[in-house]
C-alpha atoms as a PDB file:
ATOM      1  CA  MET A   1     142.091 247.396 193.574  1.00  0.00           C
ATOM      2  CA  VAL A   2     140.962 248.529 197.069  1.00  0.00           C
ATOM      3  CA  ARG A   3     140.799 253.031 196.656  1.00  0.00           C
ATOM      4  CA  ILE A   4     142.865 254.076 199.483  1.00  0.00           C
ATOM      5  CA  GLY A   5     141.199 257.273 201.681  1.00  0.00           C
ATOM      6  CA  VAL A   6     141.994 259.109 205.093  1.00  0.00           C
ATOM      7  CA  SER A   7     139.346 260.241 207.265  1.00  0.00           C
ATOM      8  CA  LEU A   8     139.966 264.160 208.179  1.00  0.00           C
ATOM      9  CA  SER A   9     139.973 264.808 212.092  1.00  0.00           C
ATOM     10  CA  GLU A  10     137.942 267.569 214.023  1.00  0.00           C
ATOM     11  CA  ARG A  11     139.578 270.279 214.120  1.00  0.00           C
ATOM     12  CA  SER A  12     138.708 272.429 216.557  1.00  0.00           C
ATOM     13  CA  GLY A  13     140.284 276.958 217.254  1.00  0.00           C
ATOM     14  CA  PRO A  14     139.978 279.539 216.049  1.00  0.00           C
ATOM     15  CA  ASP A  15     142.278 278.269 212.503  1.00  0.00           C
ATOM     16  CA  ALA A  16     140.252 275.358 212.165  1.00  0.00           C
ATOM     17  CA  LEU A  17     139.511 275.499 209.373  1.00  0.00           C
ATOM     18  CA  VAL A  18     143.213 276.329 208.236  1.00  0.00           C
ATOM     19  CA  LYS A  19     144.348 273.180 209.548  1.00  0.00           C
ATOM     20  CA  LEU A  20     141.470 270.994 208.110  1.00  0.00           C
ATOM     21  CA  THR A  21     142.566 272.876 204.418  1.00  0.00           C
ATOM     22  CA  GLY A  22     146.350 271.992 206.025  1.00  0.00           C
ATOM     23  CA  ASP A  23     145.470 268.010 206.120  1.00  0.00           C
ATOM     24  CA  LEU A  24     143.303 268.456 202.997  1.00  0.00           C
ATOM     25  CA  LYS A  25     146.220 268.957 201.019  1.00  0.00           C
ATOM     26  CA  ARG A  26     148.885 266.821 202.736  1.00  0.00           C
ATOM     27  CA  ALA A  27     146.275 264.055 201.958  1.00  0.00           C
ATOM     28  CA  ALA A  28     146.075 264.983 198.659  1.00  0.00           C
ATOM     29  CA  ASP A  29     149.803 265.406 197.889  1.00  0.00           C
ATOM     30  CA  ASP A  30     150.518 262.278 200.254  1.00  0.00           C
ATOM     31  CA  GLY A  31     148.135 260.222 197.128  1.00  0.00           C
ATOM     32  CA  PHE A  32     145.080 259.330 198.770  1.00  0.00           C
ATOM     33  CA  SER A  33     142.358 258.942 196.422  1.00  0.00           C
ATOM     34  CA  SER A  34     139.767 260.456 198.599  1.00  0.00           C
ATOM     35  CA  ALA A  35     139.453 262.076 202.145  1.00  0.00           C
ATOM     36  CA  TRP A  36     135.920 261.927 204.289  1.00  0.00           C
ATOM     37  CA  LEU A  37     135.070 264.432 206.563  1.00  0.00           C
ATOM     38  CA  SER A  38     132.097 262.935 210.040  1.00  0.00           C
ATOM     39  CA  ASN A  39     129.821 265.661 210.656  1.00  0.00           C
ATOM     40  CA  ILE A  40     128.897 265.674 214.408  1.00  0.00           C
ATOM     41  CA  PHE A  41     129.497 268.557 216.603  1.00  0.00           C
ATOM     42  CA  GLY A  42     131.834 270.483 215.500  1.00  0.00           C
ATOM     43  CA  LEU A  43     132.536 272.206 212.111  1.00  0.00           C
ATOM     44  CA  ASP A  44     130.338 271.175 209.519  1.00  0.00           C
ATOM     45  CA  ALA A  45     131.306 269.081 207.392  1.00  0.00           C
ATOM     46  CA  LEU A  46     129.969 270.105 203.651  1.00  0.00           C
ATOM     47  CA  THR A  47     130.569 273.875 204.379  1.00  0.00           C
ATOM     48  CA  SER A  48     134.132 272.766 205.408  1.00  0.00           C
ATOM     49  CA  LEU A  49     134.603 270.841 202.532  1.00  0.00           C
ATOM     50  CA  ALA A  50     134.034 274.007 200.417  1.00  0.00           C
ATOM     51  CA  VAL A  51     136.527 275.839 201.977  1.00  0.00           C
ATOM     52  CA  ALA A  52     139.574 273.219 201.801  1.00  0.00           C
ATOM     53  CA  GLY A  53     138.212 271.767 198.685  1.00  0.00           C
ATOM     54  CA  SER A  54     138.339 274.493 196.907  1.00  0.00           C
ATOM     55  CA  GLN A  55     141.989 275.385 197.733  1.00  0.00           C
ATOM     56  CA  VAL A  56     142.904 271.493 197.330  1.00  0.00           C
ATOM     57  CA  PRO A  57     142.574 270.404 194.106  1.00  0.00           C
ATOM     58  CA  GLY A  58     141.877 267.291 192.178  1.00  0.00           C
ATOM     59  CA  ILE A  59     141.468 264.849 195.544  1.00  0.00           C
ATOM     60  CA  GLU A  60     137.845 263.249 196.346  1.00  0.00           C
ATOM     61  CA  VAL A  61     136.022 264.507 199.527  1.00  0.00           C
ATOM     62  CA  GLY A  62     133.571 262.987 201.227  1.00  0.00           C
ATOM     63  CA  THR A  63     131.098 263.392 204.262  1.00  0.00           C
ATOM     64  CA  ALA A  64     130.892 260.683 206.312  1.00  0.00           C
ATOM     65  CA  VAL A  65     128.651 261.272 207.030  1.00  0.00           C
ATOM     66  CA  VAL A  66     125.744 263.762 207.677  1.00  0.00           C
ATOM     67  CA  PRO A  67     122.320 263.155 209.342  1.00  0.00           C
ATOM     68  CA  THR A  68     119.475 263.822 207.688  1.00  0.00           C
ATOM     69  CA  TYR A  69     116.839 264.157 210.452  1.00  0.00           C
ATOM     70  CA  PRO A  70     117.581 267.725 211.119  1.00  0.00           C
ATOM     71  CA  ARG A  71     118.320 268.655 207.915  1.00  0.00           C
ATOM     72  CA  HIS A  72     114.978 269.038 205.210  1.00  0.00           C
ATOM     73  CA  PRO A  73     116.032 267.603 201.508  1.00  0.00           C
ATOM     74  CA  ALA A  74     115.956 270.746 199.969  1.00  0.00           C
ATOM     75  CA  VAL A  75     118.104 272.185 202.533  1.00  0.00           C
ATOM     76  CA  LEU A  76     120.730 269.578 202.456  1.00  0.00           C
ATOM     77  CA  ALA A  77     120.463 269.353 198.099  1.00  0.00           C
ATOM     78  CA  GLN A  78     121.157 273.357 197.855  1.00  0.00           C
ATOM     79  CA  GLN A  79     124.180 272.694 200.333  1.00  0.00           C
ATOM     80  CA  ALA A  80     125.455 270.104 198.816  1.00  0.00           C
ATOM     81  CA  ARG A  81     125.478 271.737 195.616  1.00  0.00           C
ATOM     82  CA  THR A  82     127.219 274.711 197.218  1.00  0.00           C
ATOM     83  CA  THR A  83     129.789 273.337 197.998  1.00  0.00           C
ATOM     84  CA  ALA A  84     130.656 270.686 194.740  1.00  0.00           C
ATOM     85  CA  ALA A  85     130.195 274.353 193.050  1.00  0.00           C
ATOM     86  CA  ALA A  86     133.152 275.421 195.097  1.00  0.00           C
ATOM     87  CA  THR A  87     135.123 271.740 194.643  1.00  0.00           C
ATOM     88  CA  GLY A  88     134.637 271.536 190.200  1.00  0.00           C
ATOM     89  CA  PRO A  89     132.982 268.739 188.413  1.00  0.00           C
ATOM     90  CA  GLY A  90     132.699 265.155 190.179  1.00  0.00           C
ATOM     91  CA  ARG A  91     134.865 265.565 193.085  1.00  0.00           C
ATOM     92  CA  LEU A  92     132.206 265.783 196.417  1.00  0.00           C
ATOM     93  CA  THR A  93     130.431 262.697 197.593  1.00  0.00           C
ATOM     94  CA  LEU A  94     127.527 262.744 199.409  1.00  0.00           C
ATOM     95  CA  GLY A  95     127.150 260.628 202.714  1.00  0.00           C
ATOM     96  CA  ILE A  96     124.069 260.558 204.612  1.00  0.00           C
ATOM     97  CA  GLY A  97     122.893 258.176 207.398  1.00  0.00           C
ATOM     98  CA  LEU A  98     119.915 258.213 210.564  1.00  0.00           C
ATOM     99  CA  SER A  99     122.831 258.914 212.684  1.00  0.00           C
ATOM    100  CA  HIS A 100     121.263 257.605 216.110  1.00  0.00           C
ATOM    101  CA  GLN A 101     118.097 257.646 218.231  1.00  0.00           C
ATOM    102  CA  ILE A 102     119.903 258.797 221.274  1.00  0.00           C
ATOM    103  CA  VAL A 103     121.521 262.069 219.118  1.00  0.00           C
ATOM    104  CA  ILE A 104     118.195 262.516 217.537  1.00  0.00           C
ATOM    105  CA  GLU A 105     115.600 262.421 219.833  1.00  0.00           C
ATOM    106  CA  GLU A 106     117.609 263.071 223.043  1.00  0.00           C
ATOM    107  CA  MET A 107     119.723 266.153 221.666  1.00  0.00           C
ATOM    108  CA  TYR A 108     118.021 267.396 219.075  1.00  0.00           C
ATOM    109  CA  GLY A 109     113.994 266.425 219.724  1.00  0.00           C
ATOM    110  CA  TYR A 110     112.898 264.972 216.706  1.00  0.00           C
ATOM    111  CA  SER A 111     111.322 261.977 216.533  1.00  0.00           C
ATOM    112  CA  PHE A 112     112.879 258.469 215.717  1.00  0.00           C
ATOM    113  CA  LYS A 113     110.220 256.952 214.107  1.00  0.00           C
ATOM    114  CA  ARG A 114     109.828 254.774 210.529  1.00  0.00           C
ATOM    115  CA  PRO A 115     113.609 255.864 210.276  1.00  0.00           C
ATOM    116  CA  LEU A 116     113.505 253.116 206.600  1.00  0.00           C
ATOM    117  CA  ARG A 117     110.465 255.129 205.689  1.00  0.00           C
ATOM    118  CA  HIS A 118     112.068 258.052 206.601  1.00  0.00           C
ATOM    119  CA  MET A 119     114.992 257.543 204.655  1.00  0.00           C
ATOM    120  CA  ASP A 120     113.163 256.724 202.406  1.00  0.00           C
ATOM    121  CA  GLU A 121     110.833 259.624 201.518  1.00  0.00           C
ATOM    122  CA  TYR A 122     113.861 261.829 202.477  1.00  0.00           C
ATOM    123  CA  LEU A 123     115.510 260.466 198.752  1.00  0.00           C
ATOM    124  CA  SER A 124     112.657 261.138 197.106  1.00  0.00           C
ATOM    125  CA  VAL A 125     113.697 264.906 197.825  1.00  0.00           C
ATOM    126  CA  LEU A 126     116.920 264.398 197.556  1.00  0.00           C
ATOM    127  CA  LEU A 127     118.135 262.922 194.417  1.00  0.00           C
ATOM    128  CA  PRO A 128     115.715 264.914 192.329  1.00  0.00           C
ATOM    129  CA  LEU A 129     116.911 268.251 193.667  1.00  0.00           C
ATOM    130  CA  LEU A 130     120.516 266.780 193.798  1.00  0.00           C
ATOM    131  CA  ASP A 131     120.327 266.255 189.611  1.00  0.00           C
ATOM    132  CA  ASN A 132     119.421 269.664 189.236  1.00  0.00           C
ATOM    133  CA  GLN A 133     115.054 268.534 189.421  1.00  0.00           C
ATOM    134  CA  PRO A 134     112.690 270.407 191.134  1.00  0.00           C
ATOM    135  CA  VAL A 135     110.444 268.262 193.313  1.00  0.00           C
ATOM    136  CA  ALA A 136     106.755 267.691 194.484  1.00  0.00           C
ATOM    137  CA  PHE A 137     106.453 264.966 197.080  1.00  0.00           C
ATOM    138  CA  THR A 138     104.674 263.944 199.761  1.00  0.00           C
ATOM    139  CA  GLY A 139     105.019 261.207 201.683  1.00  0.00           C
ATOM    140  CA  GLU A 140     104.070 260.673 205.640  1.00  0.00           C
ATOM    141  CA  THR A 141     107.363 261.679 207.216  1.00  0.00           C
ATOM    142  CA  VAL A 142     108.697 264.297 204.097  1.00  0.00           C
ATOM    143  CA  LYS A 143     107.225 266.325 202.240  1.00  0.00           C
ATOM    144  CA  GLY A 144     108.750 269.050 199.351  1.00  0.00           C
ATOM    145  CA  GLN A 145     107.467 271.181 196.853  1.00  0.00           C
ATOM    146  CA  ILE A 146     110.336 273.245 195.959  1.00  0.00           C
ATOM    147  CA  GLY A 147     113.097 273.722 192.979  1.00  0.00           C
ATOM    148  CA  LEU A 148     116.581 275.002 193.248  1.00  0.00           C
ATOM    149  CA  THR A 149     118.419 277.807 190.854  1.00  0.00           C
ATOM    150  CA  THR A 150     121.629 276.702 192.529  1.00  0.00           C
ATOM    151  CA  PRO A 151     124.579 276.583 190.693  1.00  0.00           C
ATOM    152  CA  SER A 152     124.849 272.712 189.377  1.00  0.00           C
ATOM    153  CA  GLU A 153     127.984 270.952 188.731  1.00  0.00           C
ATOM    154  CA  GLY A 154     126.955 268.349 187.786  1.00  0.00           C
ATOM    155  CA  ARG A 155     125.543 264.658 189.967  1.00  0.00           C
ATOM    156  CA  VAL A 156     126.073 264.597 193.148  1.00  0.00           C
ATOM    157  CA  PRO A 157     126.619 260.953 194.097  1.00  0.00           C
ATOM    158  CA  VAL A 158     125.056 259.798 197.435  1.00  0.00           C
ATOM    159  CA  LEU A 159     126.133 257.023 199.837  1.00  0.00           C
ATOM    160  CA  LEU A 160     123.990 255.768 202.388  1.00  0.00           C
ATOM    161  CA  ALA A 161     125.416 254.535 206.303  1.00  0.00           C
ATOM    162  CA  ALA A 162     122.798 251.227 205.881  1.00  0.00           C
ATOM    163  CA  LEU A 163     124.086 248.742 208.314  1.00  0.00           C
ATOM    164  CA  GLY A 164     120.829 246.633 208.430  1.00  0.00           C
ATOM    165  CA  PRO A 165     119.124 243.948 205.451  1.00  0.00           C
ATOM    166  CA  LYS A 166     116.525 247.008 204.303  1.00  0.00           C
ATOM    167  CA  MET A 167     118.880 249.260 204.514  1.00  0.00           C
ATOM    168  CA  LEU A 168     121.163 248.366 202.500  1.00  0.00           C
ATOM    169  CA  GLN A 169     118.385 247.107 199.582  1.00  0.00           C
ATOM    170  CA  LEU A 170     117.284 250.910 199.760  1.00  0.00           C
ATOM    171  CA  ALA A 171     120.909 252.005 198.943  1.00  0.00           C
ATOM    172  CA  ALA A 172     121.400 249.528 196.335  1.00  0.00           C
ATOM    173  CA  GLU A 173     118.290 250.412 194.705  1.00  0.00           C
ATOM    174  CA  ARG A 174     118.245 254.615 195.388  1.00  0.00           C
ATOM    175  CA  THR A 175     121.691 255.366 196.165  1.00  0.00           C
ATOM    176  CA  ASP A 176     125.180 254.762 194.525  1.00  0.00           C
ATOM    177  CA  GLY A 177     126.962 252.637 197.497  1.00  0.00           C
ATOM    178  CA  THR A 178     127.174 252.267 201.165  1.00  0.00           C
ATOM    179  CA  ILE A 179     129.457 253.787 203.566  1.00  0.00           C
ATOM    180  CA  LEU A 180     130.445 251.804 206.901  1.00  0.00           C
ATOM    181  CA  TRP A 181     131.848 252.135 210.473  1.00  0.00           C
ATOM    182  CA  MET A 182     132.468 249.457 213.135  1.00  0.00           C
ATOM    183  CA  THR A 183     131.982 246.704 210.603  1.00  0.00           C
ATOM    184  CA  GLY A 184     134.753 244.074 209.916  1.00  0.00           C
ATOM    185  CA  PRO A 185     136.057 241.853 207.294  1.00  0.00           C
ATOM    186  CA  THR A 186     133.772 238.642 208.249  1.00  0.00           C
ATOM    187  CA  THR A 187     130.414 241.294 208.658  1.00  0.00           C
ATOM    188  CA  VAL A 188     131.420 243.059 204.838  1.00  0.00           C
ATOM    189  CA  LYS A 189     131.896 239.606 203.213  1.00  0.00           C
ATOM    190  CA  GLU A 190     129.194 237.831 204.860  1.00  0.00           C
ATOM    191  CA  HIS A 191     126.202 239.967 205.424  1.00  0.00           C
ATOM    192  CA  ILE A 192     127.151 243.815 203.259  1.00  0.00           C
ATOM    193  CA  ALA A 193     128.317 243.107 200.359  1.00  0.00           C
ATOM    194  CA  PRO A 194     125.751 240.522 199.077  1.00  0.00           C
ATOM    195  CA  THR A 195     123.248 242.278 200.340  1.00  0.00           C
ATOM    196  CA  ILE A 196     123.314 245.347 198.609  1.00  0.00           C
ATOM    197  CA  THR A 197     125.449 243.342 196.100  1.00  0.00           C
ATOM    198  CA  ALA A 198     122.484 241.045 194.919  1.00  0.00           C
ATOM    199  CA  ALA A 199     120.009 244.092 195.474  1.00  0.00           C
ATOM    200  CA  ALA A 200     121.700 246.414 193.209  1.00  0.00           C
ATOM    201  CA  GLU A 201     121.606 243.571 190.531  1.00  0.00           C
ATOM    202  CA  ALA A 202     117.820 243.134 191.094  1.00  0.00           C
ATOM    203  CA  ALA A 203     116.557 246.380 190.267  1.00  0.00           C
ATOM    204  CA  GLY A 204     119.123 246.611 187.260  1.00  0.00           C
ATOM    205  CA  ARG A 205     122.011 249.211 188.317  1.00  0.00           C
ATOM    206  CA  ALA A 206     125.722 249.651 188.671  1.00  0.00           C
ATOM    207  CA  ALA A 207     127.553 247.290 191.208  1.00  0.00           C
ATOM    208  CA  PRO A 208     127.421 249.564 194.147  1.00  0.00           C
ATOM    209  CA  ARG A 209     130.783 251.368 195.589  1.00  0.00           C
ATOM    210  CA  ILE A 210     131.260 249.782 199.722  1.00  0.00           C
ATOM    211  CA  VAL A 211     133.312 252.636 201.677  1.00  0.00           C
ATOM    212  CA  CYS A 212     134.466 251.215 204.933  1.00  0.00           C
ATOM    213  CA  VAL A 213     136.266 253.656 207.616  1.00  0.00           C
ATOM    214  CA  LEU A 214     138.212 251.724 210.265  1.00  0.00           C
ATOM    215  CA  PRO A 215     140.881 252.847 212.753  1.00  0.00           C
ATOM    216  CA  VAL A 216     144.001 252.074 211.860  1.00  0.00           C
ATOM    217  CA  GLY A 217     147.889 252.206 213.289  1.00  0.00           C
ATOM    218  CA  VAL A 218     151.195 250.422 212.592  1.00  0.00           C
ATOM    219  CA  THR A 219     152.585 249.361 215.568  1.00  0.00           C
ATOM    220  CA  ASP A 220     154.413 247.234 217.127  1.00  0.00           C
ATOM    221  CA  ASP A 221     152.869 247.903 220.438  1.00  0.00           C
ATOM    222  CA  VAL A 222     149.343 246.092 219.096  1.00  0.00           C
ATOM    223  CA  GLU A 223     148.961 246.281 223.147  1.00  0.00           C
ATOM    224  CA  ALA A 224     148.875 249.831 224.181  1.00  0.00           C
ATOM    225  CA  ALA A 225     147.282 250.197 220.651  1.00  0.00           C
ATOM    226  CA  HIS A 226     144.247 248.360 221.675  1.00  0.00           C
ATOM    227  CA  ALA A 227     143.725 250.312 224.700  1.00  0.00           C
ATOM    228  CA  ARG A 228     144.111 253.365 222.976  1.00  0.00           C
ATOM    229  CA  ALA A 229     141.571 252.485 220.129  1.00  0.00           C
ATOM    230  CA  GLY A 230     139.020 250.863 223.133  1.00  0.00           C
ATOM    231  CA  LYS A 231     139.226 254.326 225.262  1.00  0.00           C
ATOM    232  CA  ALA A 232     138.868 256.257 221.739  1.00  0.00           C
ATOM    233  CA  PHE A 233     135.951 254.974 220.486  1.00  0.00           C
ATOM    234  CA  ALA A 234     134.185 253.519 223.570  1.00  0.00           C
ATOM    235  CA  VAL A 235     130.985 254.814 222.790  1.00  0.00           C
ATOM    236  CA  TYR A 236     130.881 253.586 219.314  1.00  0.00           C
ATOM    237  CA  GLY A 237     129.892 249.962 221.693  1.00  0.00           C
ATOM    238  CA  THR A 238     126.766 251.555 223.327  1.00  0.00           C
ATOM    239  CA  LEU A 239     124.616 252.245 219.664  1.00  0.00           C
ATOM    240  CA  PRO A 240     122.773 249.493 218.627  1.00  0.00           C
ATOM    241  CA  SER A 241     123.270 249.214 215.006  1.00  0.00           C
ATOM    242  CA  TYR A 242     126.920 249.267 215.472  1.00  0.00           C
ATOM    243  CA  ARG A 243     126.948 247.086 218.380  1.00  0.00           C
ATOM    244  CA  ALA A 244     124.253 244.577 215.720  1.00  0.00           C
ATOM    245  CA  MET A 245     127.839 244.338 213.891  1.00  0.00           C
ATOM    246  CA  MET A 246     129.932 243.944 216.678  1.00  0.00           C
ATOM    247  CA  ASP A 247     127.888 240.849 217.690  1.00  0.00           C
ATOM    248  CA  ARG A 248     127.783 239.706 213.701  1.00  0.00           C
ATOM    249  CA  GLU A 249     131.510 239.768 213.728  1.00  0.00           C
ATOM    250  CA  GLY A 250     132.367 238.228 217.475  1.00  0.00           C
ATOM    251  CA  ALA A 251     133.748 241.459 218.077  1.00  0.00           C
ATOM    252  CA  ALA A 252     133.294 242.064 221.908  1.00  0.00           C
ATOM    253  CA  GLY A 253     133.715 246.360 221.628  1.00  0.00           C
ATOM    254  CA  PRO A 254     135.540 248.599 219.200  1.00  0.00           C
ATOM    255  CA  ALA A 255     138.717 247.811 219.828  1.00  0.00           C
ATOM    256  CA  ASP A 256     138.141 244.836 218.410  1.00  0.00           C
ATOM    257  CA  LEU A 257     137.926 246.264 214.684  1.00  0.00           C
ATOM    258  CA  ALA A 258     140.806 248.442 214.669  1.00  0.00           C
ATOM    259  CA  ILE A 259     143.500 247.382 212.692  1.00  0.00           C
ATOM    260  CA  ILE A 260     145.895 247.028 213.875  1.00  0.00           C
ATOM    261  CA  GLY A 261     149.738 245.328 214.206  1.00  0.00           C
ATOM    262  CA  ASP A 262     153.271 245.685 212.003  1.00  0.00           C
ATOM    263  CA  GLU A 263     152.977 247.096 208.094  1.00  0.00           C
ATOM    264  CA  ASP A 264     152.474 243.013 207.374  1.00  0.00           C
ATOM    265  CA  THR A 265     149.645 242.605 209.425  1.00  0.00           C
ATOM    266  CA  VAL A 266     148.288 246.051 208.325  1.00  0.00           C
ATOM    267  CA  GLY A 267     148.286 245.113 204.739  1.00  0.00           C
ATOM    268  CA  ALA A 268     147.056 241.421 205.411  1.00  0.00           C
ATOM    269  CA  LYS A 269     143.892 242.647 207.088  1.00  0.00           C
ATOM    270  CA  LEU A 270     143.380 245.492 204.626  1.00  0.00           C
ATOM    271  CA  GLU A 271     143.497 242.626 201.689  1.00  0.00           C
ATOM    272  CA  GLU A 272     140.842 239.725 203.813  1.00  0.00           C
ATOM    273  CA  LEU A 273     138.028 243.621 203.480  1.00  0.00           C
ATOM    274  CA  ALA A 274     139.294 243.687 199.816  1.00  0.00           C
ATOM    275  CA  LYS A 275     138.119 240.086 199.096  1.00  0.00           C
ATOM    276  CA  ALA A 276     135.288 240.834 201.060  1.00  0.00           C
ATOM    277  CA  GLY A 277     133.877 243.522 198.806  1.00  0.00           C
ATOM    278  CA  VAL A 278     135.402 246.390 200.224  1.00  0.00           C
ATOM    279  CA  THR A 279     135.492 249.405 197.106  1.00  0.00           C
ATOM    280  CA  ASP A 280     136.904 251.924 198.993  1.00  0.00           C
ATOM    281  CA  PHE A 281     139.000 251.604 202.415  1.00  0.00           C
ATOM    282  CA  VAL A 282     139.190 254.600 204.516  1.00  0.00           C
ATOM    283  CA  ALA A 283     141.724 255.105 206.827  1.00  0.00           C
ATOM    284  CA  GLY A 284     140.612 256.048 210.742  1.00  0.00           C
ATOM    285  CA  GLU A 285     144.467 257.053 211.760  1.00  0.00           C
ATOM    286  CA  PHE A 286     144.922 257.038 215.722  1.00  0.00           C
ATOM    287  CA  LEU A 287     148.217 256.700 216.651  1.00  0.00           C
ATOM    288  CA  PRO A 288     150.142 259.872 217.490  1.00  0.00           C
ATOM    289  CA  ARG A 289     154.027 260.880 217.127  1.00  0.00           C
ATOM    290  CA  ASP A 290     155.868 258.172 215.753  1.00  0.00           C
ATOM    291  CA  GLU A 291     154.028 255.778 215.092  1.00  0.00           C
ATOM    292  CA  GLY A 292     150.843 258.390 213.202  1.00  0.00           C
ATOM    293  CA  VAL A 293     153.803 259.165 211.114  1.00  0.00           C
ATOM    294  CA  ARG A 294     154.812 254.733 210.254  1.00  0.00           C
ATOM    295  CA  THR A 295     151.138 254.679 210.193  1.00  0.00           C
ATOM    296  CA  ARG A 296     150.799 257.811 207.426  1.00  0.00           C
ATOM    297  CA  THR A 297     153.908 256.220 205.833  1.00  0.00           C
ATOM    298  CA  PHE A 298     152.359 252.529 205.289  1.00  0.00           C
ATOM    299  CA  LEU A 299     149.559 253.955 203.734  1.00  0.00           C
ATOM    300  CA  LYS A 300     151.325 255.862 201.197  1.00  0.00           C
ATOM    301  CA  THR A 301     152.805 252.585 200.254  1.00  0.00           C
ATOM    302  CA  LEU A 302     149.217 251.503 199.054  1.00  0.00           C
ATOM    303  CA  THR A 303     148.098 254.340 197.077  1.00  0.00           C
ATOM    304  CA  ALA A 304     151.311 253.723 194.070  1.00  0.00           C
END
């Protein structure tokens, strides 16, 4: 069965962490297997999950995702292990990704050249340190000669945001799987799942997790919800990596990937994702008021 999780919404204001902790508690009380927080321009995801997760037991907490370029892998390993110490053994999953050229080069001022090599070398430093091993690595894009004394709560699993064939192969060979955004069921079935699964088998590794995050809304007003999704997620249609997945899916834009409809329609779409190879579905709830309550009520029925 597909595990059902939820995305934690961005929170702001002086009580942002209090609100986030409340959101996580609600997700845990509602029976969801996991809750995921993006790391964009607001709250730092790992710090926030350390705070909230230390107060809400049980539920898996994950990042979806932390960009690699602005953080040395030893710094990220240190932060992840600290978060794992705060939340307890076996609860944290570290989702990482490249982000996008417009973010890394134009906002942070780093070079986005050779992204595949960067990620491969990044993992060569990150993974040993997460496993409480010292590292001595000199690559072309990343170097690290360091050990950590951060408390270790056991292994921290890593998921790699991977969409292209080579990045999916890297995810299969070196991490626990992939975490997807703006990727529909046809693309998962015909591209993501077969590529990453075959690569894992060839490498003699366990079947990978395929965590799929998509907007979801249970409603009878499909047209209005579609328009709302189009406005809320428009930026993702301009980013090349997501645009390539939309083209594979035959989607005109992000709104076409949102899972919208009544309970039967949404349930059928989630079943389609499960059959395509998704191991975890993470709901990005985006509808307001009564429709938001209806969406959560339906999602709760899937956790039993």
